[in-house]
């Protein structure tokens, strides 16, 4: 079992933390901005929430997979928004 560190880099592998009721996946996108994005997935319902979606649809879609994404939340914006 790999230990969750939360250390991610744009273009790199997402890091995942698995809890009893929730799976948290963190990924970084955009070399210039190094935006951190998160996917929270409920183990009971398979419902997902995407937090701080950044401008890298292929990377985000690969993490979301075929799960049931019900919300997209934005906590802040950058100068390029």
Protein backbone atom coordinates (compact mmCIF):
# COMPACT_ATOMS: atom_id res chain seq x y z
CA UNK A 1 0.00 0.00 0.00
CA UNK A 2 1.35 3.41 -1.00
CA UNK A 3 1.26 6.22 1.54
CA UNK A 4 -0.63 9.34 0.50
CA UNK A 5 1.67 12.36 0.39
CA UNK A 6 -0.38 14.86 -1.64
CA UNK A 7 2.77 15.71 -3.59
CA UNK A 8 1.74 16.08 -7.23
CA UNK A 9 3.23 17.83 -10.24
CA UNK A 10 1.68 18.99 -13.51
CA UNK A 11 1.76 16.10 -15.99
CA UNK A 12 2.59 13.68 -13.20
CA UNK A 13 0.66 10.92 -11.53
CA UNK A 14 -2.33 11.87 -9.34
CA UNK A 15 -2.11 10.94 -5.66
CA UNK A 16 -5.01 9.12 -4.02
CA UNK A 17 -6.01 8.78 -0.40
CA UNK A 18 -8.52 6.07 0.41
CA UNK A 19 -10.64 6.39 3.52
CA UNK A 20 -13.42 4.11 4.69
CA UNK A 21 -16.22 6.21 3.12
CA UNK A 22 -14.37 8.53 0.75
CA UNK A 23 -11.65 8.44 -1.90
CA UNK A 24 -9.71 11.68 -2.44
CA UNK A 25 -7.68 12.12 -5.60
CA UNK A 26 -5.40 15.12 -6.09
CA UNK A 27 -3.76 16.10 -9.35
CA UNK A 28 -1.88 19.13 -10.61
CA UNK A 29 -2.35 20.60 -14.06
CA UNK A 30 -0.85 23.50 -16.06
CA UNK A 31 2.94 23.84 -15.88
CA UNK A 32 2.71 27.63 -15.54
CA UNK A 33 0.04 27.81 -12.81
CA UNK A 34 0.51 24.38 -11.16
CA UNK A 35 -3.20 24.22 -10.32
CA UNK A 36 -4.27 21.60 -7.81
CA UNK A 37 -7.54 19.82 -8.56
CA UNK A 38 -9.38 17.31 -6.39
CA UNK A 39 -11.95 14.59 -6.94
CA UNK A 40 -13.90 13.36 -3.93
CA UNK A 41 -15.73 10.06 -4.48
CA UNK A 42 -18.24 8.56 -2.06
CA UNK A 43 -17.69 4.83 -1.70
CA UNK A 44 -21.38 4.19 -0.89
CA UNK A 45 -22.97 6.04 -3.83
CA UNK A 46 -20.05 6.37 -6.28
CA UNK A 47 -21.01 10.06 -6.51
CA UNK A 48 -18.09 12.37 -7.32
CA UNK A 49 -17.39 16.05 -6.78
CA UNK A 50 -14.70 17.85 -8.79
CA UNK A 51 -13.04 20.71 -6.92
CA UNK A 52 -11.12 23.48 -8.69
CA UNK A 53 -11.38 22.17 -12.25
CA UNK A 54 -8.53 23.69 -14.23
CA UNK A 55 -7.83 23.91 -17.94
CA UNK A 56 -6.78 20.32 -18.68
CA UNK A 57 -9.89 18.38 -19.64
CA UNK A 58 -8.04 15.18 -20.66
CA UNK A 59 -6.27 14.92 -17.29
CA UNK A 60 -9.45 15.66 -15.33
CA UNK A 61 -11.55 13.25 -17.38
CA UNK A 62 -9.01 10.47 -16.87
CA UNK A 63 -9.29 10.89 -13.10
CA UNK A 64 -13.09 11.15 -13.20
CA UNK A 65 -13.41 8.04 -15.36
CA UNK A 66 -16.96 6.77 -15.66
CA UNK A 67 -17.99 7.81 -12.16
CA UNK A 68 -21.13 9.84 -11.54
CA UNK A 69 -19.89 13.44 -11.21
CA UNK A 70 -22.68 15.52 -9.70
CA UNK A 71 -20.99 18.80 -8.82
CA UNK A 72 -18.09 20.99 -9.85
CA UNK A 73 -16.95 23.45 -7.18
CA UNK A 74 -14.60 26.39 -7.61
CA UNK A 75 -12.89 27.74 -4.51
CA UNK A 76 -10.93 30.52 -6.21
CA UNK A 77 -9.82 31.89 -9.57
CA UNK A 78 -6.49 32.88 -11.04
CA UNK A 79 -5.57 35.85 -13.20
CA UNK A 80 -6.06 33.74 -16.34
CA UNK A 81 -9.74 32.93 -15.62
